[in-house]
Amino acid sequence: MFVAADVRGREHNVAARLLAELVEHAENQGIKEIFLGTTDKFLAAHRFYEKNGFTEVPKGDLPRSFPLMAVDTKFYRRRVGAA
């Protein structure tokens, strides 16, 4: 997910709102975990994911169906719904 540069930052809160919608949709669909991939270079993204309940996981912990992208080197998971 990318947010246009002119609407990034806390004053717009776009990324947080998009993530909240994603989590709510996942919960409504009975999805228990959200996985994502990113690159080592997106440090602001790492902070955002970690601040929002994602934990880094090794590539080997990804589901077999995870759509790996060649550029992704760092992976995260967030549990959703009732544990």
PDB file of N, CA and C in Angstrom:
ATOM      1  N   MET A   1       0.854  -1.165   0.000  1.00  0.00           N
ATOM      2  CA  MET A   1       0.000   0.000   0.000  1.00  0.00           C
ATOM      3  C   MET A   1       0.898   1.225   0.000  1.00  0.00           C
ATOM      4  N   PHE A   2       0.560   2.173  -0.818  1.00  0.00           N
ATOM      5  CA  PHE A   2       1.281   3.439  -0.842  1.00  0.00           C
ATOM      6  C   PHE A   2       0.282   4.573  -0.665  1.00  0.00           C
ATOM      7  N   VAL A   3       0.704   5.585   0.050  1.00  0.00           N
ATOM      8  CA  VAL A   3      -0.114   6.784   0.247  1.00  0.00           C
ATOM      9  C   VAL A   3       0.609   7.924  -0.469  1.00  0.00           C
ATOM     10  N   ALA A   4      -0.111   8.685  -1.266  1.00  0.00           N
ATOM     11  CA  ALA A   4       0.486   9.800  -2.000  1.00  0.00           C
ATOM     12  C   ALA A   4       1.212  10.744  -1.048  1.00  0.00           C
ATOM     13  N   ALA A   5       2.342  11.247  -1.499  1.00  0.00           N
ATOM     14  CA  ALA A   5       3.191  12.083  -0.649  1.00  0.00           C
ATOM     15  C   ALA A   5       2.460  13.295  -0.083  1.00  0.00           C
ATOM     16  N   ASP A   6       1.547  13.877  -0.843  1.00  0.00           N
ATOM     17  CA  ASP A   6       0.882  15.097  -0.373  1.00  0.00           C
ATOM     18  C   ASP A   6      -0.170  14.850   0.702  1.00  0.00           C
ATOM     19  N   VAL A   7      -0.489  13.589   0.982  1.00  0.00           N
ATOM     20  CA  VAL A   7      -1.448  13.295   2.064  1.00  0.00           C
ATOM     21  C   VAL A   7      -0.856  12.343   3.103  1.00  0.00           C
ATOM     22  N   ARG A   8       0.459  12.269   3.160  1.00  0.00           N
ATOM     23  CA  ARG A   8       1.118  11.462   4.186  1.00  0.00           C
ATOM     24  C   ARG A   8       1.216  12.259   5.474  1.00  0.00           C
ATOM     25  N   GLY A   9       1.365  11.543   6.565  1.00  0.00           N
ATOM     26  CA  GLY A   9       1.606  12.190   7.846  1.00  0.00           C
ATOM     27  C   GLY A   9       0.400  12.162   8.754  1.00  0.00           C
ATOM     28  N   ARG A  10       0.661  12.467   9.999  1.00  0.00           N
ATOM     29  CA  ARG A  10      -0.375  12.404  11.037  1.00  0.00           C
ATOM     30  C   ARG A  10      -1.529  13.367  10.806  1.00  0.00           C
ATOM     31  N   GLU A  11      -1.243  14.505  10.194  1.00  0.00           N
ATOM     32  CA  GLU A  11      -2.319  15.484  10.010  1.00  0.00           C
ATOM     33  C   GLU A  11      -3.415  14.968   9.085  1.00  0.00           C
ATOM     34  N   HIS A  12      -3.085  14.056   8.182  1.00  0.00           N
ATOM     35  CA  HIS A  12      -4.085  13.476   7.274  1.00  0.00           C
ATOM     36  C   HIS A  12      -4.592  12.127   7.777  1.00  0.00           C
ATOM     37  N   ASN A  13      -3.721  11.369   8.421  1.00  0.00           N
ATOM     38  CA  ASN A  13      -4.091  10.091   9.036  1.00  0.00           C
ATOM     39  C   ASN A  13      -4.619   9.056   8.035  1.00  0.00           C
ATOM     40  N   VAL A  14      -4.247   9.179   6.772  1.00  0.00           N
ATOM     41  CA  VAL A  14      -4.765   8.287   5.731  1.00  0.00           C
ATOM     42  C   VAL A  14      -4.332   6.844   5.962  1.00  0.00           C
ATOM     43  N   ALA A  15      -3.048   6.616   6.210  1.00  0.00           N
ATOM     44  CA  ALA A  15      -2.562   5.246   6.384  1.00  0.00           C
ATOM     45  C   ALA A  15      -3.247   4.559   7.563  1.00  0.00           C
ATOM     46  N   ALA A  16      -3.387   5.259   8.664  1.00  0.00           N
ATOM     47  CA  ALA A  16      -4.034   4.671   9.847  1.00  0.00           C
ATOM     48  C   ALA A  16      -5.496   4.346   9.568  1.00  0.00           C
ATOM     49  N   ARG A  17      -6.173   5.212   8.832  1.00  0.00           N
ATOM     50  CA  ARG A  17      -7.585   4.955   8.509  1.00  0.00           C
ATOM     51  C   ARG A  17      -7.721   3.775   7.555  1.00  0.00           C
ATOM     52  N   LEU A  18      -6.833   3.688   6.563  1.00  0.00           N
ATOM     53  CA  LEU A  18      -6.859   2.542   5.652  1.00  0.00           C
ATOM     54  C   LEU A  18      -6.603   1.242   6.405  1.00  0.00           C
ATOM     55  N   LEU A  19      -5.625   1.265   7.310  1.00  0.00           N
ATOM     56  CA  LEU A  19      -5.330   0.067   8.084  1.00  0.00           C
ATOM     57  C   LEU A  19      -6.507  -0.318   8.969  1.00  0.00           C
ATOM     58  N   ALA A  20      -7.146   0.652   9.592  1.00  0.00           N
ATOM     59  CA  ALA A  20      -8.312   0.367  10.437  1.00  0.00           C
ATOM     60  C   ALA A  20      -9.422  -0.292   9.622  1.00  0.00           C
ATOM     61  N   GLU A  21      -9.638   0.174   8.398  1.00  0.00           N
ATOM     62  CA  GLU A  21     -10.646  -0.439   7.518  1.00  0.00           C
ATOM     63  C   GLU A  21     -10.264  -1.872   7.172  1.00  0.00           C
ATOM     64  N   LEU A  22      -8.988  -2.088   6.876  1.00  0.00           N
ATOM     65  CA  LEU A  22      -8.510  -3.433   6.557  1.00  0.00           C
ATOM     66  C   LEU A  22      -8.733  -4.381   7.727  1.00  0.00           C
ATOM     67  N   VAL A  23      -8.357  -3.951   8.922  1.00  0.00           N
ATOM     68  CA  VAL A  23      -8.506  -4.796  10.108  1.00  0.00           C
ATOM     69  C   VAL A  23      -9.980  -5.090  10.370  1.00  0.00           C
ATOM     70  N   GLU A  24     -10.823  -4.087  10.263  1.00  0.00           N
ATOM     71  CA  GLU A  24     -12.254  -4.300  10.475  1.00  0.00           C
ATOM     72  C   GLU A  24     -12.818  -5.288   9.449  1.00  0.00           C
ATOM     73  N   HIS A  25     -12.424  -5.132   8.200  1.00  0.00           N
ATOM     74  CA  HIS A  25     -12.891  -6.049   7.155  1.00  0.00           C
ATOM     75  C   HIS A  25     -12.415  -7.474   7.441  1.00  0.00           C
ATOM     76  N   ALA A  26     -11.152  -7.610   7.826  1.00  0.00           N
ATOM     77  CA  ALA A  26     -10.613  -8.934   8.147  1.00  0.00           C
ATOM     78  C   ALA A  26     -11.401  -9.572   9.286  1.00  0.00           C
ATOM     79  N   GLU A  27     -11.663  -8.810  10.331  1.00  0.00           N
ATOM     80  CA  GLU A  27     -12.438  -9.329  11.465  1.00  0.00           C
ATOM     81  C   GLU A  27     -13.829  -9.763  11.023  1.00  0.00           C
ATOM     82  N   ASN A  28     -14.481  -8.948  10.196  1.00  0.00           N
ATOM     83  CA  ASN A  28     -15.830  -9.276   9.722  1.00  0.00           C
ATOM     84  C   ASN A  28     -15.854 -10.525   8.850  1.00  0.00           C
ATOM     85  N   GLN A  29     -14.741 -10.816   8.204  1.00  0.00           N
ATOM     86  CA  GLN A  29     -14.647 -11.991   7.340  1.00  0.00           C
ATOM     87  C   GLN A  29     -14.134 -13.222   8.094  1.00  0.00           C
ATOM     88  N   GLY A  30     -13.848 -13.066   9.377  1.00  0.00           N
ATOM     89  CA  GLY A  30     -13.343 -14.186  10.165  1.00  0.00           C
ATOM     90  C   GLY A  30     -11.872 -14.482   9.942  1.00  0.00           C
ATOM     91  N   ILE A  31     -11.159 -13.539   9.350  1.00  0.00           N
ATOM     92  CA  ILE A  31      -9.723 -13.706   9.119  1.00  0.00           C
ATOM     93  C   ILE A  31      -9.005 -13.504  10.447  1.00  0.00           C
ATOM     94  N   LYS A  32      -8.077 -14.385  10.746  1.00  0.00           N
ATOM     95  CA  LYS A  32      -7.398 -14.356  12.047  1.00  0.00           C
ATOM     96  C   LYS A  32      -6.046 -13.651  12.028  1.00  0.00           C
ATOM     97  N   GLU A  33      -5.399 -13.584  10.855  1.00  0.00           N
ATOM     98  CA  GLU A  33      -4.073 -12.983  10.768  1.00  0.00           C
ATOM     99  C   GLU A  33      -3.940 -12.206   9.461  1.00  0.00           C
ATOM    100  N   ILE A  34      -3.191 -11.113   9.534  1.00  0.00           N
ATOM    101  CA  ILE A  34      -2.832 -10.333   8.354  1.00  0.00           C
ATOM    102  C   ILE A  34      -1.311 -10.413   8.225  1.00  0.00           C
ATOM    103  N   PHE A  35      -0.842 -10.756   7.036  1.00  0.00           N
ATOM    104  CA  PHE A  35       0.590 -10.795   6.749  1.00  0.00           C
ATOM    105  C   PHE A  35       0.905  -9.737   5.703  1.00  0.00           C
ATOM    106  N   LEU A  36       2.114  -9.182   5.769  1.00  0.00           N
ATOM    107  CA  LEU A  36       2.542  -8.241   4.737  1.00  0.00           C
ATOM    108  C   LEU A  36       4.043  -8.333   4.550  1.00  0.00           C
ATOM    109  N   GLY A  37       4.470  -7.886   3.386  1.00  0.00           N
ATOM    110  CA  GLY A  37       5.884  -7.835   3.074  1.00  0.00           C
ATOM    111  C   GLY A  37       6.288  -6.422   2.719  1.00  0.00           C
ATOM    112  N   THR A  38       7.541  -6.088   3.001  1.00  0.00           N
ATOM    113  CA  THR A  38       8.074  -4.767   2.683  1.00  0.00           C
ATOM    114  C   THR A  38       9.576  -4.903   2.452  1.00  0.00           C
ATOM    115  N   THR A  39      10.229  -3.800   2.203  1.00  0.00           N
ATOM    116  CA  THR A  39      11.676  -3.831   1.996  1.00  0.00           C
ATOM    117  C   THR A  39      12.383  -3.297   3.237  1.00  0.00           C
ATOM    118  N   ASP A  40      13.657  -3.600   3.336  1.00  0.00           N
ATOM    119  CA  ASP A  40      14.461  -3.098   4.456  1.00  0.00           C
ATOM    120  C   ASP A  40      14.557  -1.574   4.449  1.00  0.00           C
ATOM    121  N   LYS A  41      14.352  -0.962   3.296  1.00  0.00           N
ATOM    122  CA  LYS A  41      14.559   0.482   3.153  1.00  0.00           C
ATOM    123  C   LYS A  41      13.392   1.332   3.636  1.00  0.00           C
ATOM    124  N   PHE A  42      12.214   0.771   3.782  1.00  0.00           N
ATOM    125  CA  PHE A  42      11.030   1.559   4.156  1.00  0.00           C
ATOM    126  C   PHE A  42      10.914   1.677   5.676  1.00  0.00           C
ATOM    127  N   LEU A  43      11.843   2.407   6.272  1.00  0.00           N
ATOM    128  CA  LEU A  43      11.922   2.494   7.732  1.00  0.00           C
ATOM    129  C   LEU A  43      10.673   3.113   8.348  1.00  0.00           C
ATOM    130  N   ALA A  44      10.102   4.117   7.711  1.00  0.00           N
ATOM    131  CA  ALA A  44       8.873   4.720   8.244  1.00  0.00           C
ATOM    132  C   ALA A  44       7.742   3.702   8.232  1.00  0.00           C
ATOM    133  N   ALA A  45       7.695   2.872   7.208  1.00  0.00           N
ATOM    134  CA  ALA A  45       6.671   1.825   7.146  1.00  0.00           C
ATOM    135  C   ALA A  45       6.864   0.826   8.279  1.00  0.00           C
ATOM    136  N   HIS A  46       8.114   0.448   8.555  1.00  0.00           N
ATOM    137  CA  HIS A  46       8.382  -0.482   9.661  1.00  0.00           C
ATOM    138  C   HIS A  46       7.844   0.090  10.966  1.00  0.00           C
ATOM    139  N   ARG A  47       8.123   1.351  11.223  1.00  0.00           N
ATOM    140  CA  ARG A  47       7.643   1.986  12.462  1.00  0.00           C
ATOM    141  C   ARG A  47       6.116   2.006  12.502  1.00  0.00           C
ATOM    142  N   PHE A  48       5.493   2.321  11.375  1.00  0.00           N
ATOM    143  CA  PHE A  48       4.030   2.358  11.305  1.00  0.00           C
ATOM    144  C   PHE A  48       3.442   0.981  11.603  1.00  0.00           C
ATOM    145  N   TYR A  49       3.958  -0.052  10.958  1.00  0.00           N
ATOM    146  CA  TYR A  49       3.427  -1.402  11.182  1.00  0.00           C
ATOM    147  C   TYR A  49       3.605  -1.821  12.638  1.00  0.00           C
ATOM    148  N   GLU A  50       4.794  -1.601  13.182  1.00  0.00           N
ATOM    149  CA  GLU A  50       5.071  -2.012  14.559  1.00  0.00           C
ATOM    150  C   GLU A  50       4.211  -1.231  15.550  1.00  0.00           C
ATOM    151  N   LYS A  51       4.008   0.044  15.292  1.00  0.00           N
ATOM    152  CA  LYS A  51       3.162   0.874  16.157  1.00  0.00           C
ATOM    153  C   LYS A  51       1.709   0.402  16.119  1.00  0.00           C
ATOM    154  N   ASN A  52       1.335  -0.252  15.035  1.00  0.00           N
ATOM    155  CA  ASN A  52      -0.046  -0.683  14.841  1.00  0.00           C
ATOM    156  C   ASN A  52      -0.241  -2.186  15.012  1.00  0.00           C
ATOM    157  N   GLY A  53       0.586  -2.791  15.837  1.00  0.00           N
ATOM    158  CA  GLY A  53       0.345  -4.165  16.255  1.00  0.00           C
ATOM    159  C   GLY A  53       0.947  -5.265  15.413  1.00  0.00           C
ATOM    160  N   PHE A  54       1.741  -4.927  14.412  1.00  0.00           N
ATOM    161  CA  PHE A  54       2.402  -5.950  13.608  1.00  0.00           C
ATOM    162  C   PHE A  54       3.721  -6.334  14.257  1.00  0.00           C
ATOM    163  N   THR A  55       4.083  -7.597  14.144  1.00  0.00           N
ATOM    164  CA  THR A  55       5.382  -8.058  14.613  1.00  0.00           C
ATOM    165  C   THR A  55       6.122  -8.679  13.437  1.00  0.00           C
ATOM    166  N   GLU A  56       7.426  -8.468  13.417  1.00  0.00           N
ATOM    167  CA  GLU A  56       8.231  -9.030  12.337  1.00  0.00           C
ATOM    168  C   GLU A  56       8.273 -10.547  12.471  1.00  0.00           C
ATOM    169  N   VAL A  57       8.180 -11.229  11.341  1.00  0.00           N
ATOM    170  CA  VAL A  57       8.244 -12.691  11.314  1.00  0.00           C
ATOM    171  C   VAL A  57       9.235 -13.115  10.235  1.00  0.00           C
ATOM    172  N   PRO A  58       9.861 -14.281  10.420  1.00  0.00           N
ATOM    173  CA  PRO A  58      10.744 -14.773   9.358  1.00  0.00           C
ATOM    174  C   PRO A  58       9.936 -15.217   8.142  1.00  0.00           C
ATOM    175  N   LYS A  59      10.574 -15.166   6.995  1.00  0.00           N
ATOM    176  CA  LYS A  59       9.923 -15.555   5.743  1.00  0.00           C
ATOM    177  C   LYS A  59       9.310 -16.949   5.840  1.00  0.00           C
ATOM    178  N   GLY A  60       9.955 -17.834   6.568  1.00  0.00           N
ATOM    179  CA  GLY A  60       9.464 -19.203   6.720  1.00  0.00           C
ATOM    180  C   GLY A  60       8.143 -19.315   7.461  1.00  0.00           C
ATOM    181  N   ASP A  61       7.737 -18.263   8.168  1.00  0.00           N
ATOM    182  CA  ASP A  61       6.458 -18.272   8.893  1.00  0.00           C
ATOM    183  C   ASP A  61       5.280 -17.812   8.038  1.00  0.00           C
ATOM    184  N   LEU A  62       5.551 -17.388   6.815  1.00  0.00           N
ATOM    185  CA  LEU A  62       4.470 -16.926   5.943  1.00  0.00           C
ATOM    186  C   LEU A  62       3.630 -18.108   5.464  1.00  0.00           C
ATOM    187  N   PRO A  63       2.346 -17.881   5.238  1.00  0.00           N
ATOM    188  CA  PRO A  63       1.517 -18.947   4.673  1.00  0.00           C
ATOM    189  C   PRO A  63       2.015 -19.316   3.269  1.00  0.00           C
ATOM    190  N   ARG A  64       1.810 -20.554   2.896  1.00  0.00           N
ATOM    191  CA  ARG A  64       2.244 -20.990   1.558  1.00  0.00           C
ATOM    192  C   ARG A  64       1.614 -20.157   0.452  1.00  0.00           C
ATOM    193  N   SER A  65       0.424 -19.661   0.695  1.00  0.00           N
ATOM    194  CA  SER A  65      -0.299 -18.894  -0.327  1.00  0.00           C
ATOM    195  C   SER A  65       0.113 -17.419  -0.373  1.00  0.00           C
ATOM    196  N   PHE A  66       1.056 -17.004   0.477  1.00  0.00           N
ATOM    197  CA  PHE A  66       1.460 -15.596   0.512  1.00  0.00           C
ATOM    198  C   PHE A  66       2.090 -15.209  -0.822  1.00  0.00           C
ATOM    199  N   PRO A  67       1.630 -14.107  -1.438  1.00  0.00           N
ATOM    200  CA  PRO A  67       2.166 -13.690  -2.741  1.00  0.00           C
ATOM    201  C   PRO A  67       3.489 -12.935  -2.589  1.00  0.00           C
ATOM    202  N   LEU A  68       4.590 -13.664  -2.584  1.00  0.00           N
ATOM    203  CA  LEU A  68       5.904 -13.046  -2.416  1.00  0.00           C
ATOM    204  C   LEU A  68       6.234 -12.130  -3.587  1.00  0.00           C
ATOM    205  N   MET A  69       6.803 -10.985  -3.250  1.00  0.00           N
ATOM    206  CA  MET A  69       7.310 -10.057  -4.266  1.00  0.00           C
ATOM    207  C   MET A  69       8.831 -10.057  -4.158  1.00  0.00           C
ATOM    208  N   ALA A  70       9.506  -9.969  -5.278  1.00  0.00           N
ATOM    209  CA  ALA A  70      10.966 -10.054  -5.299  1.00  0.00           C
ATOM    210  C   ALA A  70      11.627  -8.996  -4.423  1.00  0.00           C
ATOM    211  N   VAL A  71      11.015  -7.828  -4.288  1.00  0.00           N
ATOM    212  CA  VAL A  71      11.631  -6.736  -3.517  1.00  0.00           C
ATOM    213  C   VAL A  71      11.446  -6.890  -2.009  1.00  0.00           C
ATOM    214  N   ASP A  72      10.522  -7.723  -1.581  1.00  0.00           N
ATOM    215  CA  ASP A  72      10.234  -7.859  -0.148  1.00  0.00           C
ATOM    216  C   ASP A  72      11.322  -8.652   0.565  1.00  0.00           C
ATOM    217  N   THR A  73      11.832  -8.067   1.639  1.00  0.00           N
ATOM    218  CA  THR A  73      12.878  -8.701   2.433  1.00  0.00           C
ATOM    219  C   THR A  73      12.520  -8.753   3.911  1.00  0.00           C
ATOM    220  N   LYS A  74      11.437  -8.109   4.286  1.00  0.00           N
ATOM    221  CA  LYS A  74      11.018  -8.014   5.684  1.00  0.00           C
ATOM    222  C   LYS A  74       9.525  -8.311   5.718  1.00  0.00           C
ATOM    223  N   PHE A  75       9.109  -9.127   6.691  1.00  0.00           N
ATOM    224  CA  PHE A  75       7.723  -9.589   6.728  1.00  0.00           C
ATOM    225  C   PHE A  75       7.129  -9.382   8.116  1.00  0.00           C
ATOM    226  N   TYR A  76       5.834  -9.088   8.120  1.00  0.00           N
ATOM    227  CA  TYR A  76       5.131  -8.799   9.364  1.00  0.00           C
ATOM    228  C   TYR A  76       3.825  -9.574   9.435  1.00  0.00           C
ATOM    229  N   ARG A  77       3.377  -9.789  10.682  1.00  0.00           N
ATOM    230  CA  ARG A  77       2.084 -10.435  10.934  1.00  0.00           C
ATOM    231  C   ARG A  77       1.370  -9.659  12.030  1.00  0.00           C
ATOM    232  N   ARG A  78       0.050  -9.603  11.885  1.00  0.00           N
ATOM    233  CA  ARG A  78      -0.798  -9.055  12.951  1.00  0.00           C
ATOM    234  C   ARG A  78      -1.977  -9.987  13.121  1.00  0.00           C
ATOM    235  N   ARG A  79      -2.210 -10.383  14.349  1.00  0.00           N
ATOM    236  CA  ARG A  79      -3.398 -11.179  14.652  1.00  0.00           C
ATOM    237  C   ARG A  79      -4.578 -10.230  14.807  1.00  0.00           C
ATOM    238  N   VAL A  80      -5.747 -10.665  14.334  1.00  0.00           N
ATOM    239  CA  VAL A  80      -6.950  -9.842  14.425  1.00  0.00           C
ATOM    240  C   VAL A  80      -8.073 -10.662  15.036  1.00  0.00           C
ATOM    241  N   GLY A  81      -9.071  -9.962  15.538  1.00  0.00           N
ATOM    242  CA  GLY A  81     -10.215 -10.641  16.134  1.00  0.00           C
ATOM    243  C   GLY A  81      -9.874 -11.208  17.494  1.00  0.00           C
ATOM    244  N   ALA A  82     -10.803 -11.963  18.023  1.00  0.00           N
ATOM    245  CA  ALA A  82     -10.610 -12.588  19.339  1.00  0.00           C
ATOM    246  C   ALA A  82      -9.576 -13.690  19.227  1.00  0.00           C
ATOM    247  N   ALA A  83      -8.625 -13.684  20.138  1.00  0.00           N
ATOM    248  CA  ALA A  83      -7.557 -14.692  20.115  1.00  0.00           C
ATOM    249  C   ALA A  83      -7.968 -15.950  20.833  1.00  0.00           C
TER     250      ALA A  83
END
